[in-house]
Amino acid sequence: MSRFRRMLPAGLLAAGLLLAVPPVYAAEEAAAVSPLNLIFQWINFAVVAGAIAWLLVKKAPGFFAGRAAQIASAIDEAARIKKQAETQRDEANRRLANLSAEIEELRALSRRDAAAEAARIHAATAEESAKIDRAAQAEVEAAARSANMELRALAAKLSIERAETVLRAEMSATAEDGIFTAFLGELGTSEGLSGRLN
């Protein structure tokens, strides 16, 4: 809109000139060229030329200065954008040049991580295996102790049964009576001792 306002006076002047020109040419053709007519034509020309010159002097510098400022601003903006683009291009080229090194570094890092994870898993497996071995050894030892105790109990029971069988086989009724009599004698002796002690 401001551009239209700036151009409006110049447009009106040009329209006025175009409207003033046909009557001048018509007058020239109709009448012979007289010196007075020639003077008026020069005065008319001077007025029109002066008006154009005045408009050019008054309005043109502002218009051209504004236009020059717009062009300079556009040039500065273009230079800034170009510099930004060059910076981005240089950064992209630098990254592209370092891309293979970065990829190799990432690969080495992943290999180190994988090796560390494998070592951790191996250590955890070895520790778990050792725990299982210790638990199995403890169970075997407990089972061995239990079996040993059962064997001793069984051996003791079998020994008692065997001794009982042997005693029954060797012991006769007279031997039993003799043992019983000896037992009673000991009881009597012990009662006598206890009576004397009291």
C-alpha atoms as a PDB file:
ATOM      1  CA  MET A   1       0.000   0.000   0.000  1.00  0.00           C
ATOM      2  CA  SER A   2       2.829   2.415   0.823  1.00  0.00           C
ATOM      3  CA  ARG A   3       4.388   1.762  -2.555  1.00  0.00           C
ATOM      4  CA  PHE A   4       1.087   2.672  -4.225  1.00  0.00           C
ATOM      5  CA  ARG A   5       0.934   5.901  -2.217  1.00  0.00           C
ATOM      6  CA  ARG A   6       4.451   6.777  -3.262  1.00  0.00           C
ATOM      7  CA  MET A   7       3.710   6.118  -6.901  1.00  0.00           C
ATOM      8  CA  LEU A   8       0.318   7.955  -6.909  1.00  0.00           C
ATOM      9  CA  PRO A   9       1.686  11.519  -7.387  1.00  0.00           C
ATOM     10  CA  ALA A  10       3.937  10.386 -10.224  1.00  0.00           C
ATOM     11  CA  GLY A  11       1.013   8.563 -11.868  1.00  0.00           C
ATOM     12  CA  LEU A  12      -1.244  11.628 -11.550  1.00  0.00           C
ATOM     13  CA  LEU A  13       1.451  13.831 -13.075  1.00  0.00           C
ATOM     14  CA  ALA A  14       1.940  11.457 -15.999  1.00  0.00           C
ATOM     15  CA  ALA A  15      -1.842  11.340 -16.584  1.00  0.00           C
ATOM     16  CA  GLY A  16      -2.004  15.143 -16.472  1.00  0.00           C
ATOM     17  CA  LEU A  17       0.799  15.387 -19.009  1.00  0.00           C
ATOM     18  CA  LEU A  18      -0.898  12.932 -21.325  1.00  0.00           C
ATOM     19  CA  LEU A  19      -4.114  14.909 -21.095  1.00  0.00           C
ATOM     20  CA  ALA A  20      -2.312  18.211 -21.741  1.00  0.00           C
ATOM     21  CA  VAL A  21      -0.407  16.992 -24.796  1.00  0.00           C
ATOM     22  CA  PRO A  22      -3.317  16.432 -27.270  1.00  0.00           C
ATOM     23  CA  PRO A  23      -4.662  20.008 -27.021  1.00  0.00           C
ATOM     24  CA  VAL A  24      -1.150  21.338 -27.644  1.00  0.00           C
ATOM     25  CA  TYR A  25      -0.752  19.215 -30.786  1.00  0.00           C
ATOM     26  CA  ALA A  26      -4.249  20.128 -31.928  1.00  0.00           C
ATOM     27  CA  ALA A  27      -3.506  23.803 -31.498  1.00  0.00           C
ATOM     28  CA  GLU A  28      -0.279  23.416 -33.436  1.00  0.00           C
ATOM     29  CA  GLU A  29      -1.963  21.866 -36.390  1.00  0.00           C
ATOM     30  CA  ALA A  30      -4.843  24.307 -36.428  1.00  0.00           C
ATOM     31  CA  ALA A  31      -2.925  27.514 -36.285  1.00  0.00           C
ATOM     32  CA  ALA A  32       0.250  28.568 -37.803  1.00  0.00           C
ATOM     33  CA  VAL A  33       3.167  28.697 -35.484  1.00  0.00           C
ATOM     34  CA  SER A  34       3.324  32.178 -34.076  1.00  0.00           C
ATOM     35  CA  PRO A  35       6.051  33.481 -31.821  1.00  0.00           C
ATOM     36  CA  LEU A  36       3.573  34.070 -29.000  1.00  0.00           C
ATOM     37  CA  ASN A  37       2.245  30.556 -29.364  1.00  0.00           C
ATOM     38  CA  LEU A  38       5.795  29.283 -29.301  1.00  0.00           C
ATOM     39  CA  ILE A  39       6.485  31.196 -26.073  1.00  0.00           C
ATOM     40  CA  PHE A  40       3.350  29.723 -24.462  1.00  0.00           C
ATOM     41  CA  GLN A  41       4.409  26.268 -25.538  1.00  0.00           C
ATOM     42  CA  TRP A  42       7.794  26.816 -23.938  1.00  0.00           C
ATOM     43  CA  ILE A  43       6.183  28.166 -20.777  1.00  0.00           C
ATOM     44  CA  ASN A  44       3.822  25.163 -20.712  1.00  0.00           C
ATOM     45  CA  PHE A  45       6.780  22.860 -21.244  1.00  0.00           C
ATOM     46  CA  ALA A  46       8.731  24.632 -18.482  1.00  0.00           C
ATOM     47  CA  VAL A  47       5.791  24.340 -16.059  1.00  0.00           C
ATOM     48  CA  VAL A  48       5.289  20.661 -16.834  1.00  0.00           C
ATOM     49  CA  ALA A  49       9.048  19.942 -16.751  1.00  0.00           C
ATOM     50  CA  GLY A  50       9.351  21.903 -13.489  1.00  0.00           C
ATOM     51  CA  ALA A  51       6.483  19.946 -11.955  1.00  0.00           C
ATOM     52  CA  ILE A  52       8.112  16.681 -13.028  1.00  0.00           C
ATOM     53  CA  ALA A  53      11.498  17.841 -11.752  1.00  0.00           C
ATOM     54  CA  TRP A  54       9.956  18.981  -8.453  1.00  0.00           C
ATOM     55  CA  LEU A  55       8.246  15.618  -8.000  1.00  0.00           C
ATOM     56  CA  LEU A  56      11.446  13.805  -8.873  1.00  0.00           C
ATOM     57  CA  VAL A  57      13.472  15.901  -6.448  1.00  0.00           C
ATOM     58  CA  LYS A  58      10.841  15.665  -3.706  1.00  0.00           C
ATOM     59  CA  LYS A  59       9.700  12.037  -3.986  1.00  0.00           C
ATOM     60  CA  ALA A  60      12.383  10.145  -5.898  1.00  0.00           C
ATOM     61  CA  PRO A  61      15.149  10.230  -3.235  1.00  0.00           C
ATOM     62  CA  GLY A  62      12.842   8.755  -0.568  1.00  0.00           C
ATOM     63  CA  PHE A  63      11.556   6.133  -2.966  1.00  0.00           C
ATOM     64  CA  PHE A  64      15.023   5.187  -4.182  1.00  0.00           C
ATOM     65  CA  ALA A  65      16.464   5.312  -0.646  1.00  0.00           C
ATOM     66  CA  GLY A  66      13.693   2.985   0.598  1.00  0.00           C
ATOM     67  CA  ARG A  67      14.222   0.702  -2.343  1.00  0.00           C
ATOM     68  CA  ALA A  68      17.996   0.745  -1.784  1.00  0.00           C
ATOM     69  CA  ALA A  69      17.444  -0.081   1.901  1.00  0.00           C
ATOM     70  CA  GLN A  70      15.188  -3.005   0.932  1.00  0.00           C
ATOM     71  CA  ILE A  71      17.770  -4.271  -1.537  1.00  0.00           C
ATOM     72  CA  ALA A  72      20.587  -3.876   1.009  1.00  0.00           C
ATOM     73  CA  SER A  73      18.505  -5.685   3.629  1.00  0.00           C
ATOM     74  CA  ALA A  74      17.781  -8.487   1.175  1.00  0.00           C
ATOM     75  CA  ILE A  75      21.490  -8.703   0.292  1.00  0.00           C
ATOM     76  CA  ASP A  76      22.449  -8.825   3.999  1.00  0.00           C
ATOM     77  CA  GLU A  77      19.833 -11.508   4.645  1.00  0.00           C
ATOM     78  CA  ALA A  78      21.054 -13.501   1.661  1.00  0.00           C
ATOM     79  CA  ALA A  79      24.651 -13.198   2.883  1.00  0.00           C
ATOM     80  CA  ARG A  80      23.619 -14.341   6.372  1.00  0.00           C
ATOM     81  CA  ILE A  81      21.687 -17.298   4.964  1.00  0.00           C
ATOM     82  CA  LYS A  82      24.613 -18.156   2.672  1.00  0.00           C
ATOM     83  CA  LYS A  83      27.027 -18.064   5.621  1.00  0.00           C
ATOM     84  CA  GLN A  84      24.668 -20.244   7.665  1.00  0.00           C
ATOM     85  CA  ALA A  85      24.361 -22.695   4.784  1.00  0.00           C
ATOM     86  CA  GLU A  86      28.139 -22.809   4.370  1.00  0.00           C
ATOM     87  CA  THR A  87      28.551 -23.458   8.100  1.00  0.00           C
ATOM     88  CA  GLN A  88      26.013 -26.275   7.919  1.00  0.00           C
ATOM     89  CA  ARG A  89      27.701 -27.678   4.814  1.00  0.00           C
ATOM     90  CA  ASP A  90      31.117 -27.571   6.510  1.00  0.00           C
ATOM     91  CA  GLU A  91      29.661 -29.280   9.600  1.00  0.00           C
ATOM     92  CA  ALA A  92      28.033 -31.938   7.422  1.00  0.00           C
ATOM     93  CA  ASN A  93      31.333 -32.491   5.549  1.00  0.00           C
ATOM     94  CA  ARG A  94      33.215 -32.751   8.846  1.00  0.00           C
ATOM     95  CA  ARG A  95      30.712 -35.247  10.203  1.00  0.00           C
ATOM     96  CA  LEU A  96      30.785 -37.186   6.973  1.00  0.00           C
ATOM     97  CA  ALA A  97      34.575 -37.314   7.113  1.00  0.00           C
ATOM     98  CA  ASN A  98      34.437 -38.508  10.737  1.00  0.00           C
ATOM     99  CA  LEU A  99      31.547 -40.884  10.107  1.00  0.00           C
ATOM    100  CA  SER A 100      33.721 -43.946   9.505  1.00  0.00           C
ATOM    101  CA  ALA A 101      35.727 -43.200  12.658  1.00  0.00           C
ATOM    102  CA  GLU A 102      32.524 -42.752  14.672  1.00  0.00           C
ATOM    103  CA  ILE A 103      31.113 -46.005  13.278  1.00  0.00           C
ATOM    104  CA  GLU A 104      34.319 -47.850  14.162  1.00  0.00           C
ATOM    105  CA  GLU A 105      34.269 -46.314  17.642  1.00  0.00           C
ATOM    106  CA  LEU A 106      30.653 -47.442  18.126  1.00  0.00           C
ATOM    107  CA  ARG A 107      31.559 -50.935  16.929  1.00  0.00           C
ATOM    108  CA  ALA A 108      34.504 -51.112  19.329  1.00  0.00           C
ATOM    109  CA  LEU A 109      32.285 -49.889  22.161  1.00  0.00           C
ATOM    110  CA  SER A 110      29.634 -52.502  21.361  1.00  0.00           C
ATOM    111  CA  ARG A 111      32.327 -55.219  21.186  1.00  0.00           C
ATOM    112  CA  ARG A 112      33.654 -54.134  24.604  1.00  0.00           C
ATOM    113  CA  ASP A 113      30.142 -54.091  26.025  1.00  0.00           C
ATOM    114  CA  ALA A 114      29.404 -57.532  24.560  1.00  0.00           C
ATOM    115  CA  ALA A 115      32.677 -58.929  25.949  1.00  0.00           C
ATOM    116  CA  ALA A 116      31.962 -57.431  29.372  1.00  0.00           C
ATOM    117  CA  GLU A 117      28.429 -58.850  29.311  1.00  0.00           C
ATOM    118  CA  ALA A 118      29.744 -62.272  28.248  1.00  0.00           C
ATOM    119  CA  ALA A 119      32.322 -62.173  31.071  1.00  0.00           C
ATOM    120  CA  ARG A 120      29.628 -61.169  33.550  1.00  0.00           C
ATOM    121  CA  ILE A 121      27.344 -63.974  32.363  1.00  0.00           C
ATOM    122  CA  HIS A 122      30.254 -66.452  32.506  1.00  0.00           C
ATOM    123  CA  ALA A 123      31.136 -65.343  36.051  1.00  0.00           C
ATOM    124  CA  ALA A 124      27.496 -65.556  37.142  1.00  0.00           C
ATOM    125  CA  THR A 125      27.217 -69.022  35.569  1.00  0.00           C
ATOM    126  CA  ALA A 126      30.414 -70.179  37.271  1.00  0.00           C
ATOM    127  CA  GLU A 127      29.205 -68.814  40.615  1.00  0.00           C
ATOM    128  CA  GLU A 128      25.799 -70.467  40.195  1.00  0.00           C
ATOM    129  CA  SER A 129      27.496 -73.733  39.204  1.00  0.00           C
ATOM    130  CA  ALA A 130      29.713 -73.534  42.283  1.00  0.00           C
ATOM    131  CA  LYS A 131      26.641 -72.934  44.467  1.00  0.00           C
ATOM    132  CA  ILE A 132      24.907 -75.936  42.909  1.00  0.00           C
ATOM    133  CA  ASP A 133      28.058 -78.077  43.450  1.00  0.00           C
ATOM    134  CA  ARG A 134      28.253 -76.982  47.097  1.00  0.00           C
ATOM    135  CA  ALA A 135      24.556 -77.685  47.622  1.00  0.00           C
ATOM    136  CA  ALA A 136      24.874 -81.116  45.974  1.00  0.00           C
ATOM    137  CA  GLN A 137      27.975 -81.899  48.060  1.00  0.00           C
ATOM    138  CA  ALA A 138      26.130 -80.860  51.231  1.00  0.00           C
ATOM    139  CA  GLU A 139      23.159 -83.052  50.263  1.00  0.00           C
ATOM    140  CA  VAL A 140      25.475 -85.994  49.548  1.00  0.00           C
ATOM    141  CA  GLU A 141      27.226 -85.532  52.889  1.00  0.00           C
ATOM    142  CA  ALA A 142      23.883 -85.247  54.711  1.00  0.00           C
ATOM    143  CA  ALA A 143      22.616 -88.377  52.948  1.00  0.00           C
ATOM    144  CA  ALA A 144      25.858 -90.200  53.831  1.00  0.00           C
ATOM    145  CA  ARG A 145      25.547 -89.180  57.507  1.00  0.00           C
ATOM    146  CA  SER A 146      21.914 -90.243  57.537  1.00  0.00           C
ATOM    147  CA  ALA A 147      22.735 -93.567  55.875  1.00  0.00           C
ATOM    148  CA  ASN A 148      25.642 -94.082  58.307  1.00  0.00           C
ATOM    149  CA  MET A 149      23.354 -93.437  61.282  1.00  0.00           C
ATOM    150  CA  GLU A 150      20.710 -95.780  59.855  1.00  0.00           C
ATOM    151  CA  LEU A 151      23.399 -98.431  59.294  1.00  0.00           C
ATOM    152  CA  ARG A 152      24.628 -98.057  62.880  1.00  0.00           C
ATOM    153  CA  ALA A 153      21.072 -98.275  64.206  1.00  0.00           C
ATOM    154  CA  LEU A 154      20.436-101.326  62.042  1.00  0.00           C
ATOM    155  CA  ALA A 155      23.747-102.872  63.116  1.00  0.00           C
ATOM    156  CA  ALA A 156      22.926-102.224  66.769  1.00  0.00           C
ATOM    157  CA  LYS A 157      19.458-103.702  66.363  1.00  0.00           C
ATOM    158  CA  LEU A 158      20.839-106.723  64.526  1.00  0.00           C
ATOM    159  CA  SER A 159      23.547-107.111  67.191  1.00  0.00           C
ATOM    160  CA  ILE A 160      20.974-107.030  69.965  1.00  0.00           C
ATOM    161  CA  GLU A 161      18.763-109.497  68.141  1.00  0.00           C
ATOM    162  CA  ARG A 162      21.752-111.735  67.488  1.00  0.00           C
ATOM    163  CA  ALA A 163      22.882-111.503  71.102  1.00  0.00           C
ATOM    164  CA  GLU A 164      19.347-112.273  72.226  1.00  0.00           C
ATOM    165  CA  THR A 165      19.228-115.281  69.935  1.00  0.00           C
ATOM    166  CA  VAL A 166      22.618-116.474  71.143  1.00  0.00           C
ATOM    167  CA  LEU A 167      21.650-115.928  74.773  1.00  0.00           C
ATOM    168  CA  ARG A 168      18.394-117.764  74.334  1.00  0.00           C
ATOM    169  CA  ALA A 169      20.156-120.609  72.606  1.00  0.00           C
ATOM    170  CA  GLU A 170      22.833-120.866  75.260  1.00  0.00           C
ATOM    171  CA  MET A 171      20.660-120.224  78.195  1.00  0.00           C
ATOM    172  CA  SER A 172      18.826-123.092  79.663  1.00  0.00           C
ATOM    173  CA  ALA A 173      16.230-123.228  82.419  1.00  0.00           C
ATOM    174  CA  THR A 174      18.829-124.048  85.087  1.00  0.00           C
ATOM    175  CA  ALA A 175      21.067-121.211  83.944  1.00  0.00           C
ATOM    176  CA  GLU A 176      18.144-118.844  84.158  1.00  0.00           C
ATOM    177  CA  ASP A 177      17.344-120.037  87.678  1.00  0.00           C
ATOM    178  CA  GLY A 178      20.977-119.548  88.702  1.00  0.00           C
ATOM    179  CA  ILE A 179      21.076-116.015  87.293  1.00  0.00           C
ATOM    180  CA  PHE A 180      17.753-115.247  88.954  1.00  0.00           C
ATOM    181  CA  THR A 181      18.975-116.590  92.311  1.00  0.00           C
ATOM    182  CA  ALA A 182      22.193-114.609  92.014  1.00  0.00           C
ATOM    183  CA  PHE A 183      20.163-111.542  91.256  1.00  0.00           C
ATOM    184  CA  LEU A 184      17.996-112.052  94.292  1.00  0.00           C
ATOM    185  CA  GLY A 185      21.070-112.589  96.403  1.00  0.00           C
ATOM    186  CA  GLU A 186      22.471-109.358  95.264  1.00  0.00           C
ATOM    187  CA  LEU A 187      19.218-107.682  96.060  1.00  0.00           C
ATOM    188  CA  GLY A 188      19.262-109.100  99.536  1.00  0.00           C
ATOM    189  CA  THR A 189      22.792-107.998 100.060  1.00  0.00           C
ATOM    190  CA  SER A 190      21.995-104.550  98.842  1.00  0.00           C
ATOM    191  CA  GLU A 191      18.980-104.363 101.204  1.00  0.00           C
ATOM    192  CA  GLY A 192      21.145-105.393 104.082  1.00  0.00           C
ATOM    193  CA  LEU A 193      23.623-102.738 103.200  1.00  0.00           C
ATOM    194  CA  SER A 194      20.963-100.129 102.900  1.00  0.00           C
ATOM    195  CA  GLY A 195      19.490-101.188 106.284  1.00  0.00           C
ATOM    196  CA  ARG A 196      22.837-100.879 107.895  1.00  0.00           C
ATOM    197  CA  LEU A 197      23.412 -97.531 106.352  1.00  0.00           C
ATOM    198  CA  ASN A 198      20.123 -96.243 107.681  1.00  0.00           C
END
